[in-house]
């Protein structure tokens, strides 16, 4: 789950697999996700159960185009 100031929400991953590691730095300083999402603000490391799912993921530019 993801906890914010006013709410707790489930986190959904776009691939199946095993979570190997949580970023404890985000637990100590949640704002790091907004400051450095592609660097120090990572959330989890995942071992994918089906690596072929990787091909269906969007890169940052494609996702930005999708959401406008």
PDB file of N, CA and C in Angstrom:
ATOM      1  N   UNK A   1       0.834  -1.182   0.000  1.00  0.00           N
ATOM      2  CA  UNK A   1       0.000   0.000   0.000  1.00  0.00           C
ATOM      3  C   UNK A   1       0.879   1.245   0.000  1.00  0.00           C
ATOM      4  N   UNK A   2       0.298   2.338  -0.407  1.00  0.00           N
ATOM      5  CA  UNK A   2       0.984   3.629  -0.421  1.00  0.00           C
ATOM      6  C   UNK A   2       0.243   4.536   0.550  1.00  0.00           C
ATOM      7  N   UNK A   3       0.977   5.120   1.461  1.00  0.00           N
ATOM      8  CA  UNK A   3       0.373   5.957   2.488  1.00  0.00           C
ATOM      9  C   UNK A   3       0.695   7.419   2.213  1.00  0.00           C
ATOM     10  N   UNK A   4      -0.330   8.252   2.225  1.00  0.00           N
ATOM     11  CA  UNK A   4      -0.160   9.695   2.063  1.00  0.00           C
ATOM     12  C   UNK A   4      -0.663  10.373   3.334  1.00  0.00           C
ATOM     13  N   UNK A   5      -0.625  11.679   3.353  1.00  0.00           N
ATOM     14  CA  UNK A   5      -1.037  12.419   4.542  1.00  0.00           C
ATOM     15  C   UNK A   5      -2.480  12.105   4.915  1.00  0.00           C
ATOM     16  N   UNK A   6      -3.356  12.023   3.915  1.00  0.00           N
ATOM     17  CA  UNK A   6      -4.782  11.862   4.200  1.00  0.00           C
ATOM     18  C   UNK A   6      -5.348  10.499   3.832  1.00  0.00           C
ATOM     19  N   UNK A   7      -4.562   9.608   3.227  1.00  0.00           N
ATOM     20  CA  UNK A   7      -5.129   8.354   2.748  1.00  0.00           C
ATOM     21  C   UNK A   7      -4.076   7.263   2.626  1.00  0.00           C
ATOM     22  N   UNK A   8      -4.550   6.040   2.552  1.00  0.00           N
ATOM     23  CA  UNK A   8      -3.710   4.882   2.249  1.00  0.00           C
ATOM     24  C   UNK A   8      -4.350   4.191   1.061  1.00  0.00           C
ATOM     25  N   UNK A   9      -3.566   3.891   0.027  1.00  0.00           N
ATOM     26  CA  UNK A   9      -4.082   3.266  -1.185  1.00  0.00           C
ATOM     27  C   UNK A   9      -3.264   2.034  -1.531  1.00  0.00           C
ATOM     28  N   UNK A  10      -3.909   1.074  -2.194  1.00  0.00           N
ATOM     29  CA  UNK A  10      -3.183  -0.075  -2.702  1.00  0.00           C
ATOM     30  C   UNK A  10      -2.289   0.365  -3.845  1.00  0.00           C
ATOM     31  N   UNK A  11      -1.161  -0.298  -3.984  1.00  0.00           N
ATOM     32  CA  UNK A  11      -0.261  -0.037  -5.107  1.00  0.00           C
ATOM     33  C   UNK A  11      -0.394  -1.197  -6.087  1.00  0.00           C
ATOM     34  N   UNK A  12      -0.566  -0.896  -7.349  1.00  0.00           N
ATOM     35  CA  UNK A  12      -0.696  -1.907  -8.385  1.00  0.00           C
ATOM     36  C   UNK A  12       0.504  -1.819  -9.308  1.00  0.00           C
ATOM     37  N   UNK A  13       1.102  -2.964  -9.613  1.00  0.00           N
ATOM     38  CA  UNK A  13       2.251  -3.011 -10.511  1.00  0.00           C
ATOM     39  C   UNK A  13       1.794  -3.438 -11.896  1.00  0.00           C
ATOM     40  N   UNK A  14       2.435  -2.950 -12.943  1.00  0.00           N
ATOM     41  CA  UNK A  14       2.043  -3.312 -14.303  1.00  0.00           C
ATOM     42  C   UNK A  14       2.569  -4.672 -14.742  1.00  0.00           C
ATOM     43  N   UNK A  15       3.306  -5.352 -13.879  1.00  0.00           N
ATOM     44  CA  UNK A  15       3.845  -6.681 -14.183  1.00  0.00           C
ATOM     45  C   UNK A  15       3.689  -7.568 -12.952  1.00  0.00           C
ATOM     46  N   UNK A  16       3.668  -8.869 -13.190  1.00  0.00           N
ATOM     47  CA  UNK A  16       3.625  -9.814 -12.084  1.00  0.00           C
ATOM     48  C   UNK A  16       5.033 -10.181 -11.653  1.00  0.00           C
ATOM     49  N   UNK A  17       5.177 -10.557 -10.396  1.00  0.00           N
ATOM     50  CA  UNK A  17       6.486 -10.975  -9.936  1.00  0.00           C
ATOM     51  C   UNK A  17       6.635 -10.888  -8.438  1.00  0.00           C
ATOM     52  N   UNK A  18       7.875 -10.974  -7.999  1.00  0.00           N
ATOM     53  CA  UNK A  18       8.215 -10.963  -6.585  1.00  0.00           C
ATOM     54  C   UNK A  18       8.899  -9.644  -6.232  1.00  0.00           C
ATOM     55  N   UNK A  19       8.417  -8.985  -5.201  1.00  0.00           N
ATOM     56  CA  UNK A  19       9.071  -7.765  -4.735  1.00  0.00           C
ATOM     57  C   UNK A  19      10.313  -8.162  -3.960  1.00  0.00           C
ATOM     58  N   UNK A  20      11.465  -7.679  -4.419  1.00  0.00           N
ATOM     59  CA  UNK A  20      12.744  -8.030  -3.816  1.00  0.00           C
ATOM     60  C   UNK A  20      13.199  -7.019  -2.776  1.00  0.00           C
ATOM     61  N   UNK A  21      12.840  -5.760  -2.993  1.00  0.00           N
ATOM     62  CA  UNK A  21      13.352  -4.713  -2.111  1.00  0.00           C
ATOM     63  C   UNK A  21      12.408  -3.515  -2.114  1.00  0.00           C
ATOM     64  N   UNK A  22      12.244  -2.907  -0.946  1.00  0.00           N
ATOM     65  CA  UNK A  22      11.523  -1.645  -0.792  1.00  0.00           C
ATOM     66  C   UNK A  22      12.543  -0.547  -0.544  1.00  0.00           C
ATOM     67  N   UNK A  23      12.287   0.635  -1.066  1.00  0.00           N
ATOM     68  CA  UNK A  23      13.182   1.768  -0.853  1.00  0.00           C
ATOM     69  C   UNK A  23      12.853   2.420   0.487  1.00  0.00           C
ATOM     70  N   UNK A  24      13.643   2.112   1.495  1.00  0.00           N
ATOM     71  CA  UNK A  24      13.395   2.646   2.834  1.00  0.00           C
ATOM     72  C   UNK A  24      13.594   4.159   2.901  1.00  0.00           C
ATOM     73  N   UNK A  25      14.361   4.724   1.978  1.00  0.00           N
ATOM     74  CA  UNK A  25      14.550   6.180   1.949  1.00  0.00           C
ATOM     75  C   UNK A  25      13.226   6.889   1.690  1.00  0.00           C
ATOM     76  N   UNK A  26      12.354   6.281   0.893  1.00  0.00           N
ATOM     77  CA  UNK A  26      11.045   6.873   0.608  1.00  0.00           C
ATOM     78  C   UNK A  26      10.168   6.837   1.856  1.00  0.00           C
ATOM     79  N   UNK A  27      10.319   5.803   2.657  1.00  0.00           N
ATOM     80  CA  UNK A  27       9.563   5.721   3.911  1.00  0.00           C
ATOM     81  C   UNK A  27       9.957   6.869   4.837  1.00  0.00           C
ATOM     82  N   UNK A  28      11.243   7.178   4.878  1.00  0.00           N
ATOM     83  CA  UNK A  28      11.741   8.259   5.736  1.00  0.00           C
ATOM     84  C   UNK A  28      11.438   9.643   5.163  1.00  0.00           C
ATOM     85  N   UNK A  29      11.413   9.763   3.826  1.00  0.00           N
ATOM     86  CA  UNK A  29      11.211  11.057   3.154  1.00  0.00           C
ATOM     87  C   UNK A  29      10.353  10.848   1.909  1.00  0.00           C
ATOM     88  N   UNK A  30       9.027  10.712   2.048  1.00  0.00           N
ATOM     89  CA  UNK A  30       8.154  10.426   0.913  1.00  0.00           C
ATOM     90  C   UNK A  30       8.247  11.438  -0.228  1.00  0.00           C
ATOM     91  N   UNK A  31       8.603  12.673   0.059  1.00  0.00           N
ATOM     92  CA  UNK A  31       8.683  13.703  -0.981  1.00  0.00           C
ATOM     93  C   UNK A  31       9.773  13.412  -1.998  1.00  0.00           C
ATOM     94  N   UNK A  32      10.672  12.496  -1.684  1.00  0.00           N
ATOM     95  CA  UNK A  32      11.735  12.144  -2.629  1.00  0.00           C
ATOM     96  C   UNK A  32      11.160  11.586  -3.931  1.00  0.00           C
ATOM     97  N   UNK A  33       9.977  10.984  -3.861  1.00  0.00           N
ATOM     98  CA  UNK A  33       9.332  10.455  -5.067  1.00  0.00           C
ATOM     99  C   UNK A  33       9.038  11.586  -6.041  1.00  0.00           C
ATOM    100  N   UNK A  34       8.601  12.721  -5.549  1.00  0.00           N
ATOM    101  CA  UNK A  34       8.317  13.871  -6.410  1.00  0.00           C
ATOM    102  C   UNK A  34       9.584  14.576  -6.868  1.00  0.00           C
ATOM    103  N   UNK A  35      10.591  14.619  -6.011  1.00  0.00           N
ATOM    104  CA  UNK A  35      11.833  15.315  -6.349  1.00  0.00           C
ATOM    105  C   UNK A  35      12.684  14.541  -7.348  1.00  0.00           C
ATOM    106  N   UNK A  36      12.707  13.219  -7.231  1.00  0.00           N
ATOM    107  CA  UNK A  36      13.644  12.419  -8.028  1.00  0.00           C
ATOM    108  C   UNK A  36      13.042  11.053  -8.359  1.00  0.00           C
ATOM    109  N   UNK A  37      11.909  11.054  -9.059  1.00  0.00           N
ATOM    110  CA  UNK A  37      11.183   9.812  -9.344  1.00  0.00           C
ATOM    111  C   UNK A  37      12.000   8.800 -10.140  1.00  0.00           C
ATOM    112  N   UNK A  38      12.883   9.267 -10.992  1.00  0.00           N
ATOM    113  CA  UNK A  38      13.665   8.355 -11.832  1.00  0.00           C
ATOM    114  C   UNK A  38      15.036   8.047 -11.239  1.00  0.00           C
ATOM    115  N   UNK A  39      15.313   8.555 -10.051  1.00  0.00           N
ATOM    116  CA  UNK A  39      16.593   8.303  -9.394  1.00  0.00           C
ATOM    117  C   UNK A  39      16.367   7.737  -8.012  1.00  0.00           C
ATOM    118  N   UNK A  40      16.601   8.560  -6.995  1.00  0.00           N
ATOM    119  CA  UNK A  40      16.511   8.115  -5.605  1.00  0.00           C
ATOM    120  C   UNK A  40      15.077   7.841  -5.142  1.00  0.00           C
ATOM    121  N   UNK A  41      14.080   8.228  -5.933  1.00  0.00           N
ATOM    122  CA  UNK A  41      12.690   8.054  -5.525  1.00  0.00           C
ATOM    123  C   UNK A  41      12.037   6.761  -5.970  1.00  0.00           C
ATOM    124  N   UNK A  42      12.827   5.770  -6.354  1.00  0.00           N
ATOM    125  CA  UNK A  42      12.243   4.479  -6.751  1.00  0.00           C
ATOM    126  C   UNK A  42      11.520   3.862  -5.559  1.00  0.00           C
ATOM    127  N   UNK A  43      10.516   3.027  -5.826  1.00  0.00           N
ATOM    128  CA  UNK A  43       9.717   2.445  -4.749  1.00  0.00           C
ATOM    129  C   UNK A  43      10.093   1.003  -4.442  1.00  0.00           C
ATOM    130  N   UNK A  44      10.100   0.150  -5.468  1.00  0.00           N
ATOM    131  CA  UNK A  44      10.381  -1.268  -5.253  1.00  0.00           C
ATOM    132  C   UNK A  44      11.246  -1.813  -6.374  1.00  0.00           C
ATOM    133  N   UNK A  45      11.958  -2.886  -6.066  1.00  0.00           N
ATOM    134  CA  UNK A  45      12.663  -3.668  -7.075  1.00  0.00           C
ATOM    135  C   UNK A  45      11.912  -4.985  -7.209  1.00  0.00           C
ATOM    136  N   UNK A  46      11.627  -5.379  -8.452  1.00  0.00           N
ATOM    137  CA  UNK A  46      10.778  -6.536  -8.723  1.00  0.00           C
ATOM    138  C   UNK A  46      11.512  -7.536  -9.604  1.00  0.00           C
ATOM    139  N   UNK A  47      11.400  -8.820  -9.246  1.00  0.00           N
ATOM    140  CA  UNK A  47      11.836  -9.893 -10.147  1.00  0.00           C
ATOM    141  C   UNK A  47      10.586 -10.323 -10.900  1.00  0.00           C
ATOM    142  N   UNK A  48      10.554 -10.033 -12.186  1.00  0.00           N
ATOM    143  CA  UNK A  48       9.370 -10.324 -12.986  1.00  0.00           C
ATOM    144  C   UNK A  48       9.185 -11.829 -13.139  1.00  0.00           C
ATOM    145  N   UNK A  49       7.944 -12.298 -13.008  1.00  0.00           N
ATOM    146  CA  UNK A  49       7.654 -13.713 -13.201  1.00  0.00           C
ATOM    147  C   UNK A  49       7.519 -14.049 -14.683  1.00  0.00           C
ATOM    148  N   UNK A  50       7.203 -13.048 -15.500  1.00  0.00           N
ATOM    149  CA  UNK A  50       7.078 -13.247 -16.944  1.00  0.00           C
ATOM    150  C   UNK A  50       7.773 -12.083 -17.648  1.00  0.00           C
ATOM    151  N   UNK A  51       9.058 -12.234 -17.962  1.00  0.00           N
ATOM    152  CA  UNK A  51       9.803 -11.125 -18.578  1.00  0.00           C
ATOM    153  C   UNK A  51       9.190 -10.598 -19.875  1.00  0.00           C
ATOM    154  N   UNK A  52       8.364 -11.385 -20.543  1.00  0.00           N
ATOM    155  CA  UNK A  52       7.720 -10.915 -21.775  1.00  0.00           C
ATOM    156  C   UNK A  52       6.782  -9.741 -21.494  1.00  0.00           C
ATOM    157  N   UNK A  53       6.316  -9.589 -20.246  1.00  0.00           N
ATOM    158  CA  UNK A  53       5.452  -8.464 -19.901  1.00  0.00           C
ATOM    159  C   UNK A  53       6.177  -7.131 -20.060  1.00  0.00           C
ATOM    160  N   UNK A  54       7.490  -7.154 -20.016  1.00  0.00           N
ATOM    161  CA  UNK A  54       8.292  -5.934 -20.166  1.00  0.00           C
ATOM    162  C   UNK A  54       7.979  -5.236 -21.484  1.00  0.00           C
ATOM    163  N   UNK A  55       7.746  -6.022 -22.527  1.00  0.00           N
ATOM    164  CA  UNK A  55       7.505  -5.458 -23.856  1.00  0.00           C
ATOM    165  C   UNK A  55       6.231  -4.616 -23.925  1.00  0.00           C
ATOM    166  N   UNK A  56       5.299  -4.828 -23.001  1.00  0.00           N
ATOM    167  CA  UNK A  56       4.042  -4.081 -23.004  1.00  0.00           C
ATOM    168  C   UNK A  56       4.125  -2.782 -22.201  1.00  0.00           C
ATOM    169  N   UNK A  57       5.235  -2.550 -21.510  1.00  0.00           N
ATOM    170  CA  UNK A  57       5.380  -1.343 -20.698  1.00  0.00           C
ATOM    171  C   UNK A  57       5.658  -0.125 -21.573  1.00  0.00           C
ATOM    172  N   UNK A  58       5.263   1.043 -21.106  1.00  0.00           N
ATOM    173  CA  UNK A  58       5.525   2.298 -21.806  1.00  0.00           C
ATOM    174  C   UNK A  58       6.770   2.959 -21.230  1.00  0.00           C
ATOM    175  N   UNK A  59       7.538   3.631 -22.085  1.00  0.00           N
ATOM    176  CA  UNK A  59       8.624   4.458 -21.559  1.00  0.00           C
ATOM    177  C   UNK A  59       8.020   5.798 -21.129  1.00  0.00           C
ATOM    178  N   UNK A  60       8.823   6.641 -20.529  1.00  0.00           N
ATOM    179  CA  UNK A  60       8.323   7.905 -19.980  1.00  0.00           C
ATOM    180  C   UNK A  60       7.649   8.765 -21.048  1.00  0.00           C
ATOM    181  N   UNK A  61       8.233   8.840 -22.233  1.00  0.00           N
ATOM    182  CA  UNK A  61       7.667   9.682 -23.296  1.00  0.00           C
ATOM    183  C   UNK A  61       6.308   9.148 -23.758  1.00  0.00           C
ATOM    184  N   UNK A  62       6.191   7.849 -23.927  1.00  0.00           N
ATOM    185  CA  UNK A  62       4.924   7.256 -24.365  1.00  0.00           C
ATOM    186  C   UNK A  62       3.845   7.417 -23.297  1.00  0.00           C
ATOM    187  N   UNK A  63       4.228   7.283 -22.029  1.00  0.00           N
ATOM    188  CA  UNK A  63       3.254   7.463 -20.950  1.00  0.00           C
ATOM    189  C   UNK A  63       2.795   8.915 -20.873  1.00  0.00           C
ATOM    190  N   UNK A  64       3.709   9.838 -21.028  1.00  0.00           N
ATOM    191  CA  UNK A  64       3.359  11.267 -21.018  1.00  0.00           C
ATOM    192  C   UNK A  64       2.381  11.579 -22.145  1.00  0.00           C
ATOM    193  N   UNK A  65       2.606  10.993 -23.320  1.00  0.00           N
ATOM    194  CA  UNK A  65       1.701  11.206 -24.445  1.00  0.00           C
ATOM    195  C   UNK A  65       0.322  10.606 -24.145  1.00  0.00           C
ATOM    196  N   UNK A  66       0.296   9.453 -23.486  1.00  0.00           N
ATOM    197  CA  UNK A  66      -0.963   8.798 -23.154  1.00  0.00           C
ATOM    198  C   UNK A  66      -1.808   9.630 -22.198  1.00  0.00           C
ATOM    199  N   UNK A  67      -1.174  10.200 -21.183  1.00  0.00           N
ATOM    200  CA  UNK A  67      -1.941  10.935 -20.175  1.00  0.00           C
ATOM    201  C   UNK A  67      -2.097  12.418 -20.496  1.00  0.00           C
ATOM    202  N   UNK A  68      -1.344  12.876 -21.510  1.00  0.00           N
ATOM    203  CA  UNK A  68      -1.480  14.265 -21.945  1.00  0.00           C
ATOM    204  C   UNK A  68      -0.759  15.194 -21.074  1.00  0.00           C
TER     205      UNK A  68
END
